[in-house]
Amino acid sequence: MATFILNKYEAAKFKPTSSGTNVMIRVTSPEDNFLPLEHENDFDDILTLKFYDFTEEQNGLTVFSEQHYDSIINFFQKHKMCDNMIIHCDQGMSRSAGIAVGWFLFKDERSSIYKLYHSGKHMPNRLIVKTFCKMLQKDMTLINKWEKEKLDIFKKQAGL
């Protein structure tokens, strides 16, 4: 079973395996349209969501909410035995990574969460992660530690 975290361009061209179950979660901002998927018919199910990549409400703009969580959890429950979970947002760094953390929390794969936080690419959206932890009754202690380590690395690289 594999989990892919992609940006919108990678997702548009992604060719899922011909055997097994392939599902996708797509996220973009409310005013944007999704790029067409070249291999859309090869997916068993696709969930589309629209919200901004903020960690708190901003002047009434749509941010990740419990309604988004409910849609995603229902999708996870429906596809908990899928062969490939493909998650994408515009940049493939924050919203999709936050949902991937939720997927790993749902499946109780702590080592996958560690790897995600220690990759050079992803910085999971904190609002999404906090919502999944709250709703799944998971402790944030390790995630807080890994997030701090990630931020310390960014600061060091930036010379701060």
N, C-alpha and C. Protein backbone atom coordinates (compact mmCIF):
# COMPACT_ATOMS: atom_id res chain seq x y z
N MET A 1 0.85 -1.17 0.00
CA MET A 1 0.00 0.00 0.00
C MET A 1 0.90 1.24 0.00
N ALA A 2 0.61 2.18 -0.89
CA ALA A 2 1.44 3.38 -1.01
C ALA A 2 0.58 4.64 -0.86
N THR A 3 1.22 5.67 -0.35
CA THR A 3 0.60 6.99 -0.25
C THR A 3 1.46 7.95 -1.04
N PHE A 4 0.84 8.71 -1.94
CA PHE A 4 1.54 9.68 -2.76
C PHE A 4 1.04 11.07 -2.41
N ILE A 5 1.96 12.00 -2.20
CA ILE A 5 1.62 13.39 -1.94
C ILE A 5 2.17 14.18 -3.13
N LEU A 6 1.26 14.78 -3.89
CA LEU A 6 1.65 15.39 -5.16
C LEU A 6 1.18 16.85 -5.25
N ASN A 7 1.80 17.59 -6.17
CA ASN A 7 1.26 18.91 -6.50
C ASN A 7 0.26 18.73 -7.65
N LYS A 8 -0.40 19.81 -8.03
CA LYS A 8 -1.48 19.69 -9.01
C LYS A 8 -0.98 19.25 -10.40
N TYR A 9 0.24 19.60 -10.74
CA TYR A 9 0.78 19.21 -12.06
C TYR A 9 1.15 17.72 -12.08
N GLU A 10 1.76 17.25 -10.99
CA GLU A 10 2.09 15.83 -10.88
C GLU A 10 0.81 14.99 -10.87
N ALA A 11 -0.19 15.48 -10.15
CA ALA A 11 -1.46 14.74 -10.05
C ALA A 11 -2.15 14.66 -11.41
N ALA A 12 -2.10 15.72 -12.18
CA ALA A 12 -2.76 15.75 -13.49
C ALA A 12 -2.20 14.67 -14.42
N LYS A 13 -0.94 14.35 -14.27
CA LYS A 13 -0.28 13.37 -15.14
C LYS A 13 -0.15 11.98 -14.50
N PHE A 14 -0.49 11.86 -13.21
CA PHE A 14 -0.26 10.61 -12.48
C PHE A 14 -1.03 9.45 -13.10
N LYS A 15 -0.31 8.36 -13.33
CA LYS A 15 -0.90 7.14 -13.89
C LYS A 15 -0.92 6.09 -12.78
N PRO A 16 -2.10 5.79 -12.24
CA PRO A 16 -2.16 4.78 -11.19
C PRO A 16 -1.89 3.37 -11.74
N THR A 17 -1.55 2.48 -10.84
CA THR A 17 -1.30 1.10 -11.25
C THR A 17 -2.58 0.50 -11.82
N SER A 18 -2.42 -0.40 -12.75
CA SER A 18 -3.61 -0.99 -13.38
C SER A 18 -4.27 -2.05 -12.50
N SER A 19 -3.53 -2.56 -11.53
CA SER A 19 -4.14 -3.54 -10.61
C SER A 19 -4.29 -2.90 -9.24
N GLY A 20 -5.26 -3.33 -8.51
CA GLY A 20 -5.48 -2.79 -7.18
C GLY A 20 -6.42 -1.59 -7.20
N THR A 21 -6.65 -1.05 -6.02
CA THR A 21 -7.57 0.07 -5.84
C THR A 21 -6.77 1.36 -5.72
N ASN A 22 -7.10 2.32 -6.56
CA ASN A 22 -6.43 3.62 -6.59
C ASN A 22 -7.46 4.72 -6.33
N VAL A 23 -7.24 5.49 -5.27
CA VAL A 23 -8.16 6.58 -4.93
C VAL A 23 -7.38 7.88 -4.78
N MET A 24 -8.07 8.99 -4.97
CA MET A 24 -7.41 10.29 -4.92
C MET A 24 -8.24 11.30 -4.15
N ILE A 25 -7.53 12.13 -3.38
CA ILE A 25 -8.13 13.30 -2.74
C ILE A 25 -7.49 14.52 -3.38
N ARG A 26 -8.33 15.40 -3.90
CA ARG A 26 -7.85 16.61 -4.59
C ARG A 26 -8.26 17.84 -3.77
N VAL A 27 -7.32 18.76 -3.57
CA VAL A 27 -7.60 19.99 -2.82
C VAL A 27 -7.08 21.18 -3.62
N THR A 28 -7.90 22.20 -3.70
CA THR A 28 -7.48 23.47 -4.28
C THR A 28 -8.20 24.59 -3.54
N SER A 29 -7.87 25.81 -3.87
CA SER A 29 -8.52 26.98 -3.27
C SER A 29 -9.90 27.17 -3.88
N PRO A 30 -10.82 27.78 -3.12
CA PRO A 30 -12.21 27.90 -3.59
C PRO A 30 -12.38 28.57 -4.94
N GLU A 31 -11.53 29.52 -5.31
CA GLU A 31 -11.71 30.22 -6.58
C GLU A 31 -11.04 29.51 -7.75
N ASP A 32 -10.28 28.47 -7.46
CA ASP A 32 -9.54 27.77 -8.52
C ASP A 32 -10.29 26.55 -9.04
N ASN A 33 -9.95 26.17 -10.26
CA ASN A 33 -10.47 24.94 -10.85
C ASN A 33 -9.38 23.88 -10.80
N PHE A 34 -9.78 22.64 -10.74
CA PHE A 34 -8.83 21.54 -10.78
C PHE A 34 -8.34 21.33 -12.21
N LEU A 35 -7.06 20.99 -12.34
CA LEU A 35 -6.56 20.61 -13.65
C LEU A 35 -7.18 19.27 -14.03
N PRO A 36 -7.47 19.05 -15.31
CA PRO A 36 -8.01 17.74 -15.71
C PRO A 36 -6.98 16.64 -15.46
N LEU A 37 -7.45 15.49 -15.05
CA LEU A 37 -6.58 14.33 -14.83
C LEU A 37 -6.47 13.55 -16.14
N GLU A 38 -5.25 13.30 -16.58
CA GLU A 38 -5.04 12.55 -17.82
C GLU A 38 -5.55 11.11 -17.72
N HIS A 39 -5.55 10.56 -16.50
CA HIS A 39 -5.94 9.16 -16.30
C HIS A 39 -7.09 9.05 -15.29
N GLU A 40 -8.02 9.98 -15.37
CA GLU A 40 -9.12 10.03 -14.41
C GLU A 40 -9.90 8.71 -14.34
N ASN A 41 -10.09 8.06 -15.46
CA ASN A 41 -10.87 6.82 -15.48
C ASN A 41 -10.15 5.65 -14.82
N ASP A 42 -8.87 5.81 -14.50
CA ASP A 42 -8.12 4.75 -13.84
C ASP A 42 -8.25 4.79 -12.31
N PHE A 43 -8.95 5.80 -11.79
CA PHE A 43 -9.15 5.91 -10.35
C PHE A 43 -10.49 5.29 -9.97
N ASP A 44 -10.50 4.61 -8.85
CA ASP A 44 -11.72 3.98 -8.36
C ASP A 44 -12.65 4.99 -7.69
N ASP A 45 -12.06 6.05 -7.12
CA ASP A 45 -12.87 7.08 -6.46
C ASP A 45 -12.00 8.32 -6.31
N ILE A 46 -12.65 9.49 -6.39
CA ILE A 46 -11.96 10.77 -6.25
C ILE A 46 -12.81 11.67 -5.37
N LEU A 47 -12.18 12.24 -4.35
CA LEU A 47 -12.83 13.22 -3.47
C LEU A 47 -12.23 14.58 -3.78
N THR A 48 -13.07 15.58 -4.04
CA THR A 48 -12.58 16.93 -4.30
C THR A 48 -13.01 17.86 -3.18
N LEU A 49 -12.08 18.70 -2.76
CA LEU A 49 -12.32 19.65 -1.67
C LEU A 49 -11.73 21.00 -2.05
N LYS A 50 -12.37 22.06 -1.56
CA LYS A 50 -11.87 23.40 -1.82
C LYS A 50 -11.82 24.19 -0.51
N PHE A 51 -10.60 24.56 -0.12
CA PHE A 51 -10.40 25.43 1.03
C PHE A 51 -9.00 26.04 0.94
N TYR A 52 -8.81 27.15 1.62
CA TYR A 52 -7.52 27.84 1.58
C TYR A 52 -6.51 27.20 2.51
N ASP A 53 -5.25 27.46 2.21
CA ASP A 53 -4.14 26.90 2.99
C ASP A 53 -3.76 27.85 4.13
N PHE A 54 -4.72 28.12 5.02
CA PHE A 54 -4.47 28.92 6.21
C PHE A 54 -4.59 28.02 7.42
N THR A 55 -3.97 28.43 8.52
CA THR A 55 -4.04 27.64 9.74
C THR A 55 -5.07 28.18 10.72
N GLU A 56 -5.74 29.26 10.32
CA GLU A 56 -6.86 29.79 11.10
C GLU A 56 -7.75 30.60 10.17
N GLU A 57 -8.97 30.88 10.61
CA GLU A 57 -9.92 31.62 9.80
C GLU A 57 -9.34 32.99 9.46
N GLN A 58 -9.53 33.41 8.21
CA GLN A 58 -9.01 34.69 7.72
C GLN A 58 -10.13 35.46 7.04
N ASN A 59 -10.70 36.44 7.73
CA ASN A 59 -11.70 37.33 7.13
C ASN A 59 -12.81 36.60 6.40
N GLY A 60 -13.28 35.50 6.97
CA GLY A 60 -14.40 34.76 6.38
C GLY A 60 -14.04 33.83 5.24
N LEU A 61 -12.74 33.70 4.91
CA LEU A 61 -12.33 32.79 3.85
C LEU A 61 -12.47 31.34 4.31
N THR A 62 -12.76 30.46 3.40
CA THR A 62 -12.97 29.05 3.72
C THR A 62 -11.64 28.37 4.06
N VAL A 63 -11.54 27.87 5.28
CA VAL A 63 -10.38 27.11 5.72
C VAL A 63 -10.84 25.70 6.08
N PHE A 64 -9.90 24.81 6.36
CA PHE A 64 -10.24 23.44 6.72
C PHE A 64 -11.18 23.45 7.91
N SER A 65 -12.24 22.66 7.82
CA SER A 65 -13.26 22.63 8.86
C SER A 65 -13.62 21.19 9.23
N GLU A 66 -14.46 21.04 10.23
CA GLU A 66 -14.92 19.71 10.61
C GLU A 66 -15.75 19.07 9.50
N GLN A 67 -16.39 19.86 8.66
CA GLN A 67 -17.13 19.31 7.52
C GLN A 67 -16.16 18.68 6.51
N HIS A 68 -15.03 19.34 6.29
CA HIS A 68 -14.00 18.75 5.42
C HIS A 68 -13.48 17.46 6.06
N TYR A 69 -13.22 17.54 7.36
CA TYR A 69 -12.76 16.35 8.09
C TYR A 69 -13.74 15.20 7.90
N ASP A 70 -15.03 15.47 8.07
CA ASP A 70 -16.05 14.41 7.95
C ASP A 70 -16.01 13.77 6.55
N SER A 71 -15.90 14.60 5.52
CA SER A 71 -15.82 14.07 4.15
C SER A 71 -14.60 13.18 3.98
N ILE A 72 -13.47 13.64 4.51
CA ILE A 72 -12.23 12.88 4.37
C ILE A 72 -12.29 11.58 5.17
N ILE A 73 -12.77 11.63 6.39
CA ILE A 73 -12.86 10.42 7.22
C ILE A 73 -13.77 9.39 6.56
N ASN A 74 -14.89 9.84 6.01
CA ASN A 74 -15.78 8.91 5.30
C ASN A 74 -15.06 8.28 4.12
N PHE A 75 -14.26 9.07 3.40
CA PHE A 75 -13.47 8.57 2.28
C PHE A 75 -12.43 7.56 2.77
N PHE A 76 -11.75 7.89 3.88
CA PHE A 76 -10.76 6.97 4.46
C PHE A 76 -11.42 5.64 4.86
N GLN A 77 -12.56 5.73 5.52
CA GLN A 77 -13.25 4.51 5.97
C GLN A 77 -13.67 3.66 4.77
N LYS A 78 -14.15 4.30 3.75
CA LYS A 78 -14.59 3.60 2.54
C LYS A 78 -13.42 2.92 1.83
N HIS A 79 -12.22 3.52 1.92
CA HIS A 79 -11.07 3.04 1.16
C HIS A 79 -9.89 2.63 2.05
N LYS A 80 -10.18 2.20 3.28
CA LYS A 80 -9.08 1.87 4.20
C LYS A 80 -8.21 0.73 3.70
N MET A 81 -8.69 -0.06 2.76
CA MET A 81 -7.91 -1.17 2.22
C MET A 81 -7.41 -0.87 0.79
N CYS A 82 -7.41 0.39 0.39
CA CYS A 82 -6.97 0.72 -0.97
C CYS A 82 -5.48 0.39 -1.14
N ASP A 83 -5.08 0.19 -2.36
CA ASP A 83 -3.68 -0.09 -2.66
C ASP A 83 -2.87 1.20 -2.75
N ASN A 84 -3.48 2.25 -3.27
CA ASN A 84 -2.78 3.53 -3.42
C ASN A 84 -3.70 4.68 -3.06
N MET A 85 -3.23 5.51 -2.14
CA MET A 85 -3.93 6.74 -1.75
C MET A 85 -3.11 7.89 -2.32
N ILE A 86 -3.70 8.63 -3.25
CA ILE A 86 -3.02 9.75 -3.87
C ILE A 86 -3.69 11.01 -3.34
N ILE A 87 -2.89 11.93 -2.78
CA ILE A 87 -3.42 13.16 -2.21
C ILE A 87 -2.67 14.32 -2.85
N HIS A 88 -3.42 15.28 -3.37
CA HIS A 88 -2.73 16.44 -3.96
C HIS A 88 -3.42 17.74 -3.60
N CYS A 89 -2.60 18.76 -3.53
CA CYS A 89 -3.08 20.14 -3.45
C CYS A 89 -2.28 20.93 -4.48
N ASP A 90 -2.38 22.23 -4.45
CA ASP A 90 -1.74 23.02 -5.49
C ASP A 90 -0.22 22.84 -5.52
N GLN A 91 0.44 22.97 -4.38
CA GLN A 91 1.90 22.87 -4.32
C GLN A 91 2.38 21.49 -3.85
N GLY A 92 1.50 20.70 -3.26
CA GLY A 92 1.90 19.38 -2.77
C GLY A 92 2.76 19.44 -1.53
N MET A 93 2.59 20.49 -0.72
CA MET A 93 3.46 20.67 0.44
C MET A 93 2.71 20.76 1.76
N SER A 94 1.57 21.41 1.80
CA SER A 94 0.94 21.75 3.07
C SER A 94 -0.42 21.08 3.27
N ARG A 95 -1.41 21.44 2.46
CA ARG A 95 -2.75 20.85 2.63
C ARG A 95 -2.73 19.35 2.37
N SER A 96 -2.10 18.93 1.28
CA SER A 96 -2.04 17.50 0.97
C SER A 96 -1.23 16.75 2.03
N ALA A 97 -0.15 17.37 2.51
CA ALA A 97 0.66 16.73 3.56
C ALA A 97 -0.13 16.63 4.87
N GLY A 98 -0.94 17.66 5.17
CA GLY A 98 -1.78 17.60 6.37
C GLY A 98 -2.80 16.48 6.29
N ILE A 99 -3.41 16.31 5.13
CA ILE A 99 -4.37 15.21 4.93
C ILE A 99 -3.65 13.87 5.00
N ALA A 100 -2.42 13.81 4.47
CA ALA A 100 -1.64 12.57 4.58
C ALA A 100 -1.36 12.23 6.03
N VAL A 101 -1.05 13.23 6.85
CA VAL A 101 -0.88 12.97 8.30
C VAL A 101 -2.18 12.39 8.85
N GLY A 102 -3.32 12.95 8.45
CA GLY A 102 -4.61 12.40 8.89
C GLY A 102 -4.79 10.96 8.47
N TRP A 103 -4.39 10.62 7.26
CA TRP A 103 -4.45 9.25 6.75
C TRP A 103 -3.58 8.33 7.61
N PHE A 104 -2.37 8.79 7.91
CA PHE A 104 -1.46 7.98 8.73
C PHE A 104 -1.96 7.86 10.17
N LEU A 105 -2.57 8.91 10.71
CA LEU A 105 -3.17 8.82 12.05
C LEU A 105 -4.33 7.82 12.03
N PHE A 106 -5.15 7.90 10.99
CA PHE A 106 -6.29 6.99 10.83
C PHE A 106 -5.82 5.54 10.81
N LYS A 107 -4.68 5.29 10.11
CA LYS A 107 -4.15 3.93 9.98
C LYS A 107 -3.15 3.59 11.09
N ASP A 108 -2.91 4.54 12.00
CA ASP A 108 -1.98 4.36 13.12
C ASP A 108 -0.58 4.01 12.62
N GLU A 109 -0.08 4.81 11.68
CA GLU A 109 1.26 4.64 11.10
C GLU A 109 2.16 5.79 11.53
N ARG A 110 2.60 5.75 12.78
CA ARG A 110 3.42 6.82 13.33
C ARG A 110 4.73 7.01 12.57
N SER A 111 5.34 5.91 12.12
CA SER A 111 6.62 6.03 11.41
C SER A 111 6.45 6.80 10.10
N SER A 112 5.30 6.66 9.45
CA SER A 112 5.04 7.41 8.21
C SER A 112 4.90 8.90 8.49
N ILE A 113 4.31 9.24 9.63
CA ILE A 113 4.19 10.66 10.02
C ILE A 113 5.59 11.23 10.28
N TYR A 114 6.42 10.48 10.97
CA TYR A 114 7.80 10.91 11.24
C TYR A 114 8.52 11.19 9.91
N LYS A 115 8.43 10.25 8.97
CA LYS A 115 9.11 10.41 7.68
C LYS A 115 8.60 11.64 6.94
N LEU A 116 7.31 11.88 7.01
CA LEU A 116 6.74 13.03 6.32
C LEU A 116 7.29 14.33 6.91
N TYR A 117 7.33 14.43 8.24
CA TYR A 117 7.84 15.65 8.87
C TYR A 117 9.34 15.82 8.66
N HIS A 118 10.05 14.75 8.43
CA HIS A 118 11.49 14.82 8.25
C HIS A 118 11.91 14.78 6.79
N SER A 119 10.94 14.86 5.89
CA SER A 119 11.28 14.98 4.47
C SER A 119 11.70 16.42 4.21
N GLY A 120 12.37 16.64 3.14
CA GLY A 120 12.78 18.00 2.81
C GLY A 120 11.70 18.80 2.12
N LYS A 121 10.57 18.20 1.84
CA LYS A 121 9.57 18.83 0.98
C LYS A 121 8.32 19.32 1.71
N HIS A 122 7.84 18.58 2.67
CA HIS A 122 6.50 18.82 3.21
C HIS A 122 6.51 19.57 4.54
N MET A 123 5.50 20.46 4.70
CA MET A 123 5.21 21.10 5.98
C MET A 123 3.70 21.05 6.16
N PRO A 124 3.21 19.97 6.79
CA PRO A 124 1.76 19.77 6.90
C PRO A 124 1.03 20.95 7.53
N ASN A 125 -0.10 21.29 6.96
CA ASN A 125 -0.96 22.36 7.47
C ASN A 125 -1.37 22.00 8.90
N ARG A 126 -1.02 22.89 9.83
CA ARG A 126 -1.22 22.61 11.26
C ARG A 126 -2.71 22.51 11.63
N LEU A 127 -3.55 23.33 11.02
CA LEU A 127 -4.99 23.25 11.31
C LEU A 127 -5.54 21.88 10.95
N ILE A 128 -5.15 21.36 9.81
CA ILE A 128 -5.61 20.04 9.38
C ILE A 128 -5.13 18.97 10.36
N VAL A 129 -3.84 19.03 10.70
CA VAL A 129 -3.26 18.03 11.61
C VAL A 129 -3.93 18.11 12.98
N LYS A 130 -4.10 19.32 13.51
CA LYS A 130 -4.74 19.47 14.82
C LYS A 130 -6.17 18.94 14.81
N THR A 131 -6.90 19.19 13.72
CA THR A 131 -8.28 18.70 13.63
C THR A 131 -8.31 17.18 13.62
N PHE A 132 -7.43 16.55 12.84
CA PHE A 132 -7.39 15.08 12.83
C PHE A 132 -7.02 14.53 14.21
N CYS A 133 -6.04 15.13 14.86
CA CYS A 133 -5.65 14.66 16.19
C CYS A 133 -6.81 14.78 17.18
N LYS A 134 -7.47 15.92 17.15
CA LYS A 134 -8.61 16.14 18.05
C LYS A 134 -9.72 15.12 17.80
N MET A 135 -10.12 14.99 16.54
CA MET A 135 -11.26 14.15 16.21
C MET A 135 -10.96 12.66 16.37
N LEU A 136 -9.70 12.27 16.14
CA LEU A 136 -9.30 10.86 16.29
C LEU A 136 -8.76 10.57 17.69
N GLN A 137 -8.79 11.60 18.54
CA GLN A 137 -8.31 11.48 19.92
C GLN A 137 -6.87 10.98 19.97
N LYS A 138 -6.01 11.64 19.19
CA LYS A 138 -4.59 11.31 19.14
C LYS A 138 -3.80 12.43 19.81
N ASP A 139 -2.72 12.07 20.44
CA ASP A 139 -1.86 13.01 21.14
C ASP A 139 -0.97 13.77 20.14
N MET A 140 -0.83 15.07 20.34
CA MET A 140 -0.03 15.92 19.45
C MET A 140 1.43 16.04 19.88
N THR A 141 1.82 15.41 20.99
CA THR A 141 3.15 15.63 21.54
C THR A 141 4.26 15.35 20.53
N LEU A 142 4.26 14.19 19.91
CA LEU A 142 5.31 13.86 18.95
C LEU A 142 5.23 14.75 17.71
N ILE A 143 4.03 15.01 17.26
CA ILE A 143 3.87 15.88 16.08
C ILE A 143 4.40 17.27 16.38
N ASN A 144 4.12 17.80 17.58
CA ASN A 144 4.65 19.11 17.96
C ASN A 144 6.18 19.09 17.96
N LYS A 145 6.76 18.02 18.46
CA LYS A 145 8.22 17.87 18.49
C LYS A 145 8.78 17.83 17.07
N TRP A 146 8.18 17.04 16.21
CA TRP A 146 8.67 16.91 14.83
C TRP A 146 8.48 18.22 14.06
N GLU A 147 7.37 18.91 14.32
CA GLU A 147 7.14 20.18 13.66
C GLU A 147 8.18 21.21 14.10
N LYS A 148 8.50 21.23 15.37
CA LYS A 148 9.53 22.15 15.87
C LYS A 148 10.89 21.82 15.24
N GLU A 149 11.22 20.55 15.15
CA GLU A 149 12.48 20.16 14.50
C GLU A 149 12.51 20.64 13.06
N LYS A 150 11.40 20.51 12.37
CA LYS A 150 11.30 20.96 10.98
C LYS A 150 11.51 22.47 10.88
N LEU A 151 10.85 23.22 11.76
CA LEU A 151 10.98 24.68 11.75
C LEU A 151 12.40 25.11 12.10
N ASP A 152 13.03 24.41 13.02
CA ASP A 152 14.42 24.73 13.39
C ASP A 152 15.34 24.53 12.19
N ILE A 153 15.12 23.48 11.42
CA ILE A 153 15.93 23.23 10.22
C ILE A 153 15.73 24.35 9.19
N PHE A 154 14.44 24.75 8.98
CA PHE A 154 14.15 25.85 8.05
C PHE A 154 14.86 27.13 8.49
N LYS A 155 14.79 27.44 9.80
CA LYS A 155 15.42 28.65 10.31
C LYS A 155 16.93 28.61 10.11
N LYS A 156 17.51 27.47 10.39
CA LYS A 156 18.96 27.32 10.24
C LYS A 156 19.36 27.51 8.77
N GLN A 157 18.59 26.89 7.87
CA GLN A 157 18.88 27.02 6.44
C GLN A 157 18.73 28.45 5.95
N ALA A 158 17.79 29.18 6.56
CA ALA A 158 17.54 30.57 6.18
C ALA A 158 18.49 31.54 6.87
N GLY A 159 19.31 31.03 7.78
CA GLY A 159 20.26 31.86 8.50
C GLY A 159 19.64 32.70 9.58
N LEU A 160 18.53 32.25 10.12
CA LEU A 160 17.84 32.99 11.19
C LEU A 160 18.25 32.55 12.57
